[in-house]
Protein backbone atom coordinates (compact mmCIF):
# COMPACT_ATOMS: atom_id res chain seq x y z
CA UNK A 1 0.03 -0.25 0.06
CA UNK A 2 1.43 3.70 -0.94
CA UNK A 3 0.54 6.66 0.32
CA UNK A 4 0.51 8.29 -3.29
CA UNK A 5 -0.43 6.67 -6.64
CA UNK A 6 0.41 9.01 -9.49
CA UNK A 7 -1.48 8.30 -12.94
CA UNK A 8 1.21 10.36 -15.54
CA UNK A 9 4.61 11.13 -15.49
CA UNK A 10 4.55 14.05 -17.38
CA UNK A 11 5.73 17.76 -15.75
CA UNK A 12 2.51 17.57 -13.31
CA UNK A 13 2.89 13.87 -12.19
CA UNK A 14 6.54 14.46 -11.87
CA UNK A 15 6.83 17.22 -9.84
CA UNK A 16 3.59 16.22 -7.71
CA UNK A 17 5.97 13.34 -7.03
CA UNK A 18 9.15 14.60 -6.15
CA UNK A 19 7.42 17.31 -3.79
CA UNK A 20 5.44 14.18 -1.95
CA UNK A 21 8.37 12.22 -1.49
CA UNK A 22 10.56 15.17 -0.27
CA UNK A 23 7.64 14.60 2.65
CA UNK A 24 8.42 11.27 3.49
CA UNK A 25 5.38 9.86 1.46
CA UNK A 26 5.62 6.83 -0.34
CA UNK A 27 5.09 7.23 -4.00
CA UNK A 28 4.43 5.02 -7.07
CA UNK A 29 3.83 7.03 -10.34
CA UNK A 30 2.45 4.92 -13.40
CA UNK A 31 2.56 5.74 -17.16
CA UNK A 32 1.89 3.99 -19.96
CA UNK A 33 5.24 5.17 -21.77
CA UNK A 34 8.51 4.06 -21.41
CA UNK A 35 10.15 6.78 -19.99
CA UNK A 36 9.31 10.17 -18.31
CA UNK A 37 8.40 13.34 -19.66
CA UNK A 38 4.68 12.96 -20.96
CA UNK A 39 4.07 14.11 -24.37
CA UNK A 40 5.51 17.50 -23.91
CA UNK A 41 8.98 16.29 -23.00
CA UNK A 42 8.30 12.92 -24.90
CA UNK A 43 12.56 11.63 -24.56
CA UNK A 44 13.60 8.98 -27.08
CA UNK A 45 14.14 5.04 -26.00
CA UNK A 46 17.18 4.83 -23.65
CA UNK A 47 18.84 2.35 -26.75
CA UNK A 48 18.92 5.43 -28.91
CA UNK A 49 22.07 7.52 -29.45
CA UNK A 50 21.95 10.78 -28.01
CA UNK A 51 18.58 10.11 -26.44
CA UNK A 52 19.06 13.08 -23.83
CA UNK A 53 15.94 15.64 -24.02
CA UNK A 54 16.23 19.13 -25.49
CA UNK A 55 13.56 20.59 -24.32
CA UNK A 56 12.03 23.45 -26.42
CA UNK A 57 13.03 27.42 -25.27
CA UNK A 58 11.31 28.31 -22.22
CA UNK A 59 11.13 25.14 -20.80
CA UNK A 60 14.87 24.98 -19.85
CA UNK A 61 13.72 23.55 -16.36
CA UNK A 62 12.46 20.27 -17.73
CA UNK A 63 16.01 18.41 -18.66
CA UNK A 64 16.51 18.70 -14.57
CA UNK A 65 13.13 18.06 -13.79
CA UNK A 66 13.44 14.64 -15.11
CA UNK A 67 17.13 14.08 -14.44
CA UNK A 68 15.52 14.31 -10.54
CA UNK A 69 12.71 11.97 -11.11
CA UNK A 70 14.48 9.51 -13.06
CA UNK A 71 17.42 9.40 -10.25
CA UNK A 72 15.62 9.57 -7.23
CA UNK A 73 15.66 6.10 -5.44
CA UNK A 74 12.43 7.04 -3.28
CA UNK A 75 9.80 6.48 -5.99
CA UNK A 76 8.58 3.43 -7.86
CA UNK A 77 8.06 3.91 -11.26
CA UNK A 78 5.64 1.73 -13.34
CA UNK A 79 6.46 2.43 -16.87
CA UNK A 80 4.60 0.97 -19.80
CA UNK A 81 1.53 -0.16 -17.43
CA UNK A 82 -1.76 2.03 -18.75
CA UNK A 83 -4.33 2.94 -15.78
CA UNK A 84 -7.50 1.36 -16.83
CA UNK A 85 -9.72 1.97 -13.46
CA UNK A 86 -10.06 2.52 -10.05
CA UNK A 87 -11.75 0.35 -7.60
CA UNK A 88 -12.66 1.09 -4.01
CA UNK A 89 -12.29 -1.26 -1.03
CA UNK A 90 -15.61 -1.31 1.04
CA UNK A 91 -13.87 -2.64 3.91
CA UNK A 92 -11.40 0.20 3.84
CA UNK A 93 -13.32 3.57 2.54
CA UNK A 94 -10.20 5.62 2.96
CA UNK A 95 -7.98 3.67 0.47
CA UNK A 96 -8.05 3.21 -3.24
CA UNK A 97 -6.97 0.52 -5.77
CA UNK A 98 -5.88 1.24 -9.24
CA UNK A 99 -6.01 -1.26 -11.46
CA UNK A 100 -3.35 -1.18 -14.29
CA UNK A 101 -2.53 -3.18 -17.37
CA UNK A 102 0.74 -4.52 -19.62
CA UNK A 103 -0.02 -5.53 -22.96
CA UNK A 104 2.26 -8.94 -22.07
CA UNK A 105 2.34 -8.89 -18.20
CA UNK A 106 -1.86 -8.69 -17.68
CA UNK A 107 -3.69 -6.82 -14.88
CA UNK A 108 -2.81 -6.30 -11.65
CA UNK A 109 -4.40 -3.92 -8.63
CA UNK A 110 -1.98 -1.34 -6.55
CA UNK A 111 -3.82 0.07 -3.70
CA UNK A 112 -2.95 3.80 -1.98
CA UNK A 113 -4.20 5.99 0.37
CA UNK A 114 -4.35 8.77 -1.40
CA UNK A 115 -4.58 9.42 -5.48
CA UNK A 116 -3.62 12.09 -8.00
CA UNK A 117 -4.75 12.51 -11.59
CA UNK A 118 -1.83 13.80 -13.74
CA UNK A 119 -3.30 12.44 -17.16
CA UNK A 120 -1.85 15.11 -19.45
CA UNK A 121 -4.25 16.10 -22.92
CA UNK A 122 -4.68 14.68 -26.40
CA UNK A 123 -5.28 16.76 -29.91
CA UNK A 124 -8.53 17.90 -30.50
CA UNK A 125 -10.17 15.84 -33.13
CA UNK A 126 -11.62 17.47 -36.17
CA UNK A 127 -14.13 15.59 -38.40
CA UNK A 128 -14.28 16.67 -42.42
CA UNK A 129 -14.54 14.93 -45.61
CA UNK A 130 -11.34 12.40 -45.61
CA UNK A 131 -10.29 12.76 -42.15
CA UNK A 132 -9.91 9.25 -41.78
CA UNK A 133 -7.63 8.58 -44.74
CA UNK A 134 -3.67 7.11 -44.42
CA UNK A 135 -1.72 10.20 -44.38
CA UNK A 136 -3.79 12.11 -41.92
CA UNK A 137 -2.27 13.16 -38.68
CA UNK A 138 -2.22 15.05 -35.40
CA UNK A 139 0.60 17.89 -34.57
CA UNK A 140 1.19 15.71 -31.40
CA UNK A 141 1.07 12.40 -33.02
CA UNK A 142 3.93 13.52 -35.40
CA UNK A 143 5.60 15.52 -32.66
CA UNK A 144 5.77 12.44 -30.93
CA UNK A 145 7.21 10.46 -34.13
CA UNK A 146 9.95 12.95 -34.98
CA UNK A 147 11.44 13.43 -31.39
CA UNK A 148 10.80 10.40 -29.89
CA UNK A 149 10.96 7.70 -33.00
CA UNK A 150 12.85 9.47 -35.57
CA UNK A 151 10.24 9.09 -37.95
CA UNK A 152 9.35 11.79 -40.60
CA UNK A 153 6.36 11.64 -43.05
CA UNK A 154 7.63 10.89 -46.35
CA UNK A 155 6.06 13.20 -49.18
CA UNK A 156 4.85 16.75 -48.91
CA UNK A 157 3.33 18.03 -46.07
CA UNK A 158 0.13 20.51 -45.57
CA UNK A 159 -0.35 21.19 -41.58
CA UNK A 160 -3.52 22.95 -40.71
CA UNK A 161 -5.01 24.43 -37.27
CA UNK A 162 -5.19 26.74 -34.47
CA UNK A 163 -2.43 26.31 -32.37
CA UNK A 164 1.22 27.19 -31.92
CA UNK A 165 2.15 24.09 -31.67
CA UNK A 166 1.61 23.78 -35.69
CA UNK A 167 4.92 25.76 -36.04
CA UNK A 168 7.35 23.31 -33.72
CA UNK A 169 5.99 20.56 -36.04
CA UNK A 170 6.66 22.17 -39.19
CA UNK A 171 9.83 23.43 -38.18
CA UNK A 172 10.75 19.83 -37.00
CA UNK A 173 9.77 18.69 -39.83
CA UNK A 174 11.89 21.34 -42.12
CA UNK A 175 14.79 21.09 -40.13
CA UNK A 176 14.71 16.68 -41.07
CA UNK A 177 14.10 17.74 -45.02
CA UNK A 178 10.75 17.35 -45.12
CA UNK A 179 9.34 19.16 -47.94
CA UNK A 180 6.06 21.49 -45.85
CA UNK A 181 4.05 23.06 -48.42
CA UNK A 182 2.01 25.31 -46.56
CA UNK A 183 0.96 26.35 -43.03
CA UNK A 184 -2.66 27.09 -42.52
CA UNK A 185 -4.06 28.96 -39.81
CA UNK A 186 -7.69 29.33 -39.28
CA UNK A 187 -7.15 32.86 -36.75
CA UNK A 188 -6.34 35.85 -38.61
CA UNK A 189 -3.12 38.23 -38.08
CA UNK A 190 -3.27 39.66 -34.65
CA UNK A 191 -4.53 43.25 -34.48
CA UNK A 192 -2.95 45.84 -32.49
CA UNK A 193 -5.92 45.11 -30.08
CA UNK A 194 -4.83 41.35 -29.99
CA UNK A 195 -1.16 42.32 -29.31
CA UNK A 196 -1.94 44.97 -26.52
CA UNK A 197 -4.10 41.97 -25.09
CA UNK A 198 -1.54 39.44 -25.29
CA UNK A 199 1.32 41.25 -23.18
CA UNK A 200 0.35 39.37 -20.32
CA UNK A 201 1.88 36.46 -21.60
CA UNK A 202 5.56 38.30 -22.50
CA UNK A 203 7.02 38.58 -18.65
CA UNK A 204 8.59 35.48 -18.59
CA UNK A 205 8.33 34.17 -21.61
CA UNK A 206 10.55 36.26 -23.88
CA UNK A 207 12.52 33.68 -25.02
CA UNK A 208 9.79 31.25 -26.36
CA UNK A 209 8.24 34.43 -27.91
CA UNK A 210 11.20 35.00 -29.34
CA UNK A 211 11.73 31.95 -30.36
CA UNK A 212 8.71 31.41 -32.20
CA UNK A 213 9.31 34.31 -34.23
CA UNK A 214 12.41 32.89 -35.31
CA UNK A 215 10.52 29.59 -35.95
CA UNK A 216 8.07 31.51 -38.73
CA UNK A 217 11.35 33.80 -39.94
CA UNK A 218 12.92 30.13 -41.03
CA UNK A 219 9.66 28.68 -42.49
CA UNK A 220 9.39 31.62 -44.74
CA UNK A 221 12.87 31.43 -45.73
CA UNK A 222 12.43 28.11 -46.70
CA UNK A 223 9.87 28.76 -48.74
CA UNK A 224 6.98 27.57 -46.58
CA UNK A 225 3.75 29.49 -47.38
CA UNK A 226 2.00 30.57 -44.00
CA UNK A 227 -1.37 31.40 -44.89
CA UNK A 228 -3.90 33.03 -41.76
CA UNK A 229 -7.61 33.01 -41.72
CA UNK A 230 -7.22 29.29 -43.97
CA UNK A 231 -8.99 26.13 -42.89
CA UNK A 232 -8.78 22.51 -44.34
CA UNK A 233 -12.45 21.59 -45.57
CA UNK A 234 -11.50 17.93 -46.98
CA UNK A 235 -8.39 15.61 -47.85
CA UNK A 236 -8.52 13.80 -51.02
CA UNK A 237 -7.40 10.22 -52.08
CA UNK A 238 -8.67 7.04 -52.68
CA UNK A 239 -6.01 4.70 -50.44
CA UNK A 240 -3.75 7.58 -49.03
CA UNK A 241 -4.09 11.27 -49.18
CA UNK A 242 -2.81 13.16 -52.17
CA UNK A 243 -4.78 16.52 -51.69
CA UNK A 244 -5.67 18.82 -49.30
CA UNK A 245 -8.74 21.24 -50.00
CA UNK A 246 -8.34 25.25 -47.95
CA UNK A 247 -10.56 27.92 -47.68
CA UNK A 248 -10.73 31.00 -47.00
CA UNK A 249 -12.28 32.20 -43.69
CA UNK A 250 -13.87 35.04 -41.45
CA UNK A 251 -12.77 35.94 -37.95
CA UNK A 252 -15.73 33.57 -36.57
CA UNK A 253 -13.88 30.39 -39.03
CA UNK A 254 -16.90 30.19 -41.38
CA UNK A 255 -15.91 29.74 -44.97
CA UNK A 256 -16.12 32.57 -47.21
CA UNK A 257 -14.81 31.33 -50.52
CA UNK A 258 -14.35 28.22 -53.17
CA UNK A 259 -11.95 26.46 -51.62
CA UNK A 260 -8.43 25.44 -53.48
CA UNK A 261 -6.20 21.72 -53.66
CA UNK A 262 -2.69 21.47 -52.44
CA UNK A 263 -1.11 18.23 -53.64
CA UNK A 264 0.46 16.66 -50.69
CA UNK A 265 0.78 13.00 -49.00
CA UNK A 266 0.18 13.92 -45.81
CA UNK A 267 -1.49 16.21 -43.75
CA UNK A 268 -0.98 17.51 -40.01
CA UNK A 269 -3.48 18.60 -37.63
CA UNK A 270 -3.40 21.04 -34.63
CA UNK A 271 -6.44 22.51 -33.50
CA UNK A 272 -5.91 22.52 -30.12
CA UNK A 273 -6.08 20.07 -27.20
CA UNK A 274 -8.78 18.44 -24.94
CA UNK A 275 -8.01 17.43 -20.98
CA UNK A 276 -7.71 13.47 -20.94
CA UNK A 277 -10.43 13.14 -18.32
CA UNK A 278 -11.47 9.43 -18.50
CA UNK A 279 -10.00 8.32 -15.59
CA UNK A 280 -11.63 11.20 -13.20
CA UNK A 281 -14.97 10.01 -15.23
CA UNK A 282 -14.55 7.09 -14.24
CA UNK A 283 -14.00 7.60 -10.61
CA UNK A 284 -16.93 9.99 -10.33
CA UNK A 285 -15.03 13.45 -10.31
CA UNK A 286 -17.39 16.42 -11.25
CA UNK A 287 -16.51 17.71 -14.57
CA UNK A 288 -17.14 21.65 -16.05
CA UNK A 289 -16.79 22.49 -19.69
CA UNK A 290 -14.91 25.23 -20.79
CA UNK A 291 -13.87 25.71 -24.37
CA UNK A 292 -11.08 27.54 -24.15
CA UNK A 293 -9.28 24.94 -21.03
CA UNK A 294 -9.41 21.87 -23.31
CA UNK A 295 -13.52 20.87 -22.97
CA UNK A 296 -14.58 19.22 -20.19
CA UNK A 297 -12.04 19.95 -17.18
CA UNK A 298 -11.87 18.40 -13.74
CA UNK A 299 -13.06 20.63 -11.07
CA UNK A 300 -11.18 20.98 -7.84
CA UNK A 301 -11.02 23.33 -4.68
CA UNK A 302 -7.72 25.63 -3.78
CA UNK A 303 -5.76 22.30 -2.91
CA UNK A 304 -6.41 20.78 -6.06
CA UNK A 305 -8.86 17.95 -3.94
CA UNK A 306 -11.75 16.98 -6.50
CA UNK A 307 -15.10 16.11 -5.10
CA UNK A 308 -14.21 12.28 -5.14
CA UNK A 309 -12.62 11.83 -1.93
CA UNK A 310 -9.03 10.73 -1.36
CA UNK A 311 -8.83 12.01 -4.65
CA UNK A 312 -6.64 14.97 -6.61
CA UNK A 313 -5.92 16.49 -9.76
CA UNK A 314 -3.13 18.05 -11.63
CA UNK A 315 -1.73 19.71 -15.13
CA UNK A 316 -4.28 19.46 -18.05
CA UNK A 317 -7.35 17.68 -16.51
CA UNK A 318 -7.89 20.82 -14.50
CA UNK A 319 -7.74 23.05 -17.88
CA UNK A 320 -4.99 22.72 -20.94
CA UNK A 321 -2.57 25.48 -19.62
CA UNK A 322 0.98 24.68 -20.66
CA UNK A 323 3.86 22.89 -19.06
CA UNK A 324 4.82 25.58 -16.47
CA UNK A 325 0.99 25.53 -14.90
CA UNK A 326 1.54 21.82 -14.95
CA UNK A 327 4.75 21.68 -13.36
CA UNK A 328 3.73 24.26 -10.43
CA UNK A 329 -0.14 22.57 -10.06
CA UNK A 330 1.82 19.03 -9.70
CA UNK A 331 4.29 20.94 -6.52
CA UNK A 332 0.82 22.24 -4.99
CA UNK A 333 -0.83 18.74 -4.95
CA UNK A 334 2.02 17.21 -3.58
CA UNK A 335 1.79 19.52 -0.84
CA UNK A 336 -2.17 18.97 -0.06
CA UNK A 337 -1.59 15.20 -0.26
CA UNK A 338 1.06 15.45 2.21
CA UNK A 339 -0.70 17.95 4.47
CA UNK A 340 -3.81 15.48 3.86
CA UNK A 341 -2.20 12.88 5.19
CA UNK A 342 -0.59 14.39 8.15
CA UNK A 343 2.76 15.72 7.44
CA UNK A 344 3.93 19.13 8.28
CA UNK A 345 3.93 21.44 5.52
CA UNK A 346 4.89 25.06 6.11
CA UNK A 347 2.25 27.77 4.35
CA UNK A 348 5.42 29.40 2.91
CA UNK A 349 5.73 26.03 0.73
CA UNK A 350 1.78 26.64 -0.44
CA UNK A 351 2.35 30.46 -1.23
CA UNK A 352 5.16 29.64 -3.11
CA UNK A 353 3.34 26.41 -5.38
CA UNK A 354 0.60 28.90 -5.75
CA UNK A 355 2.87 32.01 -6.83
CA UNK A 356 3.77 29.79 -9.44
CA UNK A 357 0.61 28.83 -10.42
CA UNK A 358 -0.29 32.54 -10.95
CA UNK A 359 2.71 33.85 -12.69
CA UNK A 360 1.54 30.06 -15.62
CA UNK A 361 -1.65 31.42 -15.41
CA UNK A 362 -0.75 34.84 -16.92
CA UNK A 363 0.44 33.55 -19.89
CA UNK A 364 -1.89 30.64 -20.29
CA UNK A 365 -4.26 32.69 -20.00
CA UNK A 366 -3.72 34.58 -23.04
CA UNK A 367 -2.53 31.37 -24.84
CA UNK A 368 -6.18 30.10 -24.31
CA UNK A 369 -8.39 33.44 -25.32
CA UNK A 370 -6.09 33.47 -28.57
CA UNK A 371 -5.86 30.40 -29.37
CA UNK A 372 -9.34 28.53 -28.35
CA UNK A 373 -10.79 26.61 -30.98
CA UNK A 374 -14.52 28.04 -32.88
CA UNK A 375 -16.27 24.45 -32.11
CA UNK A 376 -19.22 25.30 -33.76
CA UNK A 377 -17.30 26.18 -37.09
CA UNK A 378 -15.10 22.96 -37.26
CA UNK A 379 -18.09 21.24 -36.12
CA UNK A 380 -19.72 22.50 -39.56
CA UNK A 381 -16.98 20.99 -41.78
CA UNK A 382 -18.34 17.39 -41.57
CA UNK A 383 -20.86 16.82 -44.61
CA UNK A 384 -24.01 13.67 -44.15
CA UNK A 385 -21.41 11.39 -45.31
CA UNK A 386 -18.32 12.10 -43.34
CA UNK A 387 -17.90 9.55 -40.55
CA UNK A 388 -17.85 11.19 -36.86
CA UNK A 389 -17.28 7.88 -34.95
CA UNK A 390 -14.65 6.26 -36.95
CA UNK A 391 -14.25 3.18 -34.39
CA UNK A 392 -17.88 2.04 -35.29
CA UNK A 393 -18.33 3.74 -38.45
CA UNK A 394 -20.78 6.37 -37.82
CA UNK A 395 -21.80 9.32 -39.84
CA UNK A 396 -22.81 12.73 -39.70
CA UNK A 397 -25.84 11.74 -41.49
CA UNK A 398 -27.12 8.81 -38.96
CA UNK A 399 -26.59 10.85 -35.93
CA UNK A 400 -28.69 14.02 -37.77
CA UNK A 401 -31.36 11.86 -38.59
CA UNK A 402 -31.44 9.96 -35.35
CA UNK A 403 -31.81 13.47 -33.56
CA UNK A 404 -34.37 14.52 -36.47
CA UNK A 405 -36.64 11.41 -35.33
CA UNK A 406 -35.88 12.23 -31.58
CA UNK A 407 -36.69 15.49 -30.60
CA UNK A 408 -36.68 15.39 -26.99
CA UNK A 409 -32.84 14.03 -27.34
CA UNK A 410 -30.36 16.92 -25.24
CA UNK A 411 -27.73 14.52 -24.13
CA UNK A 412 -24.39 12.72 -25.69
CA UNK A 413 -25.09 9.65 -24.33
CA UNK A 414 -28.90 9.60 -25.35
CA UNK A 415 -27.06 9.63 -28.68
CA UNK A 416 -24.26 7.20 -27.84
CA UNK A 417 -26.91 4.87 -26.46
CA UNK A 418 -28.87 5.11 -29.77
CA UNK A 419 -26.24 5.27 -32.46
CA UNK A 420 -23.22 3.65 -30.98
CA UNK A 421 -21.10 6.29 -31.00
CA UNK A 422 -18.10 6.12 -28.57
CA UNK A 423 -18.86 2.84 -27.66
CA UNK A 424 -15.66 1.60 -29.80
CA UNK A 425 -12.02 1.01 -28.90
CA UNK A 426 -11.50 4.94 -28.18
CA UNK A 427 -14.09 5.25 -26.13
CA UNK A 428 -15.10 8.63 -27.28
CA UNK A 429 -11.96 10.51 -27.27
CA UNK A 430 -12.23 10.39 -31.22
CA UNK A 431 -15.82 11.22 -31.54
CA UNK A 432 -17.45 13.16 -28.12
CA UNK A 433 -16.15 16.79 -29.33
CA UNK A 434 -18.29 16.33 -33.19
CA UNK A 435 -20.60 14.39 -31.56
CA UNK A 436 -21.54 17.28 -28.69
CA UNK A 437 -20.94 19.61 -30.85
CA UNK A 438 -23.74 18.31 -34.38
CA UNK A 439 -26.07 17.92 -31.09
CA UNK A 440 -25.72 21.35 -29.92
CA UNK A 441 -26.20 21.85 -33.54
CA UNK A 442 -29.48 20.62 -33.81
CA UNK A 443 -30.97 21.90 -30.75
CA UNK A 444 -29.43 25.39 -31.13
CA UNK A 445 -27.65 24.88 -27.49
CA UNK A 446 -24.42 25.78 -26.20
CA UNK A 447 -21.91 22.54 -26.95
CA UNK A 448 -21.64 21.76 -22.70
CA UNK A 449 -25.46 21.78 -22.01
CA UNK A 450 -25.31 18.03 -23.97
CA UNK A 451 -23.18 16.52 -21.51
CA UNK A 452 -20.48 14.07 -22.05
CA UNK A 453 -19.94 10.51 -22.46
CA UNK A 454 -19.65 8.13 -19.11
CA UNK A 455 -16.30 6.61 -18.72
CA UNK A 456 -16.36 3.05 -17.01
CA UNK A 457 -13.64 0.07 -16.37
CA UNK A 458 -11.74 -0.44 -18.24
CA UNK A 459 -11.37 2.97 -19.54
CA UNK A 460 -8.91 1.73 -22.22
CA UNK A 461 -9.22 -1.40 -24.52
CA UNK A 462 -7.53 -4.98 -22.57
CA UNK A 463 -7.94 -8.34 -23.65
CA UNK A 464 -10.78 -9.48 -21.67
CA UNK A 465 -8.64 -12.68 -20.37
CA UNK A 466 -6.25 -9.54 -18.31
CA UNK A 467 -9.56 -8.54 -16.85
CA UNK A 468 -9.30 -11.90 -14.93
CA UNK A 469 -6.34 -10.39 -12.63
CA UNK A 470 -9.12 -8.20 -11.29
CA UNK A 471 -11.14 -11.34 -9.81
CA UNK A 472 -7.66 -12.36 -8.63
CA UNK A 473 -7.34 -9.02 -6.54
CA UNK A 474 -10.52 -9.09 -5.36
CA UNK A 475 -10.17 -12.50 -4.03
CA UNK A 476 -6.65 -11.66 -2.38
CA UNK A 477 -8.33 -8.56 -0.99
CA UNK A 478 -10.99 -10.95 0.28
CA UNK A 479 -8.87 -13.61 1.60
CA UNK A 480 -7.02 -10.97 3.54
CA UNK A 481 -9.95 -9.57 5.39
CA UNK A 482 -10.54 -6.25 3.79
CA UNK A 483 -13.40 -7.22 2.00
CA UNK A 484 -14.86 -7.05 -1.89
CA UNK A 485 -13.73 -4.47 -4.58
CA UNK A 486 -16.04 -2.19 -6.43
CA UNK A 487 -15.86 0.60 -9.41
């Protein structure tokens, strides 16, 4: 039994683990990747030559954080294991049992007195004609391939979206010799008023902003076209992408002119991120919809406690706000959990962590405001024939027809039960946003009003046989006299 189990070894998880260990807690960190760093600081395999992390400018602290985490003997790490759910022990209401799965070692259960959810975020999916074709990839996915696996797309590439990560990925590709044809941003070029409102992001981030400007200059020098107020409307091809359809849009991202086609073999999408909250949903944490911060995010108090006793949250599940805020929240969560378990924590430590969060929030708030996805316009890109749920092959037309025939349906879970959207292996990660947008359009209501998909154990696909490990854990729990486990 550990004092603390942390799900996720990104900036929030690492910071929380070190802080908790500094206050005498026994800590286990679970992450499905093979090394620490999370998605933003994804490291190449140790077997690769020159596998040292070189973080983006502005995140120079990441290298030292990862080094401290990886070298700390007080921490127990379970890399390569996925958290698939949390069980409660009826005989010990204050304890939690985290069910984890490994593709080679099956399923087992780890007990902990407290749980920290630091599960990060994933690329926001956007459905449009051709988005399921081979060759259509997300910016985060391409960044992972290039940085961690040293694999780059072959052939001409177009990048389209609304997030600064597109520029970083375009720069990575150009440096690897990949021909980048165009980077299309849905936003307009910032006006003087926009720049004035963005001044709050400057303090402490000059180097990061300077690097972004340098990237744009490099791309232009290399002949890459950077197009504002341009959105992808379709990807064409038979067995693979061969052409990308782009169109001009207004400030609300509505198409204003005839589309043009760019020949390319890969399309990289980057319209923002969705907070990864599936585990929090399965446990029963309260969530709230906040579009600029990543859609459905986990609610919490000032010490990052969720609505479920013993469960804390830090990082992107509280709202997609970048690595600086995630690291600061991890420190605050570690302090809060230590205090919750009776360890003495000086008030000055809490004050320091809170200052770090406030400082990071000044930057993240500006970024969230400037790069918020216009979800209604993105939802309108899908035609009746466009697949919304790619796991169950449910089209926009099927959802529209169901909503038209069922005028009293106003919740995404009702759509899920009737149309099977979100019932496949991804459990709605790829289609929840699209279904919510279609429902909101049909009912002329805000997107968040339609609710969210429920999550159940296992929150990620596992072989049915591996679930027998949970039975074994329950039997062991009963034989120990601690009572049965329940979701």
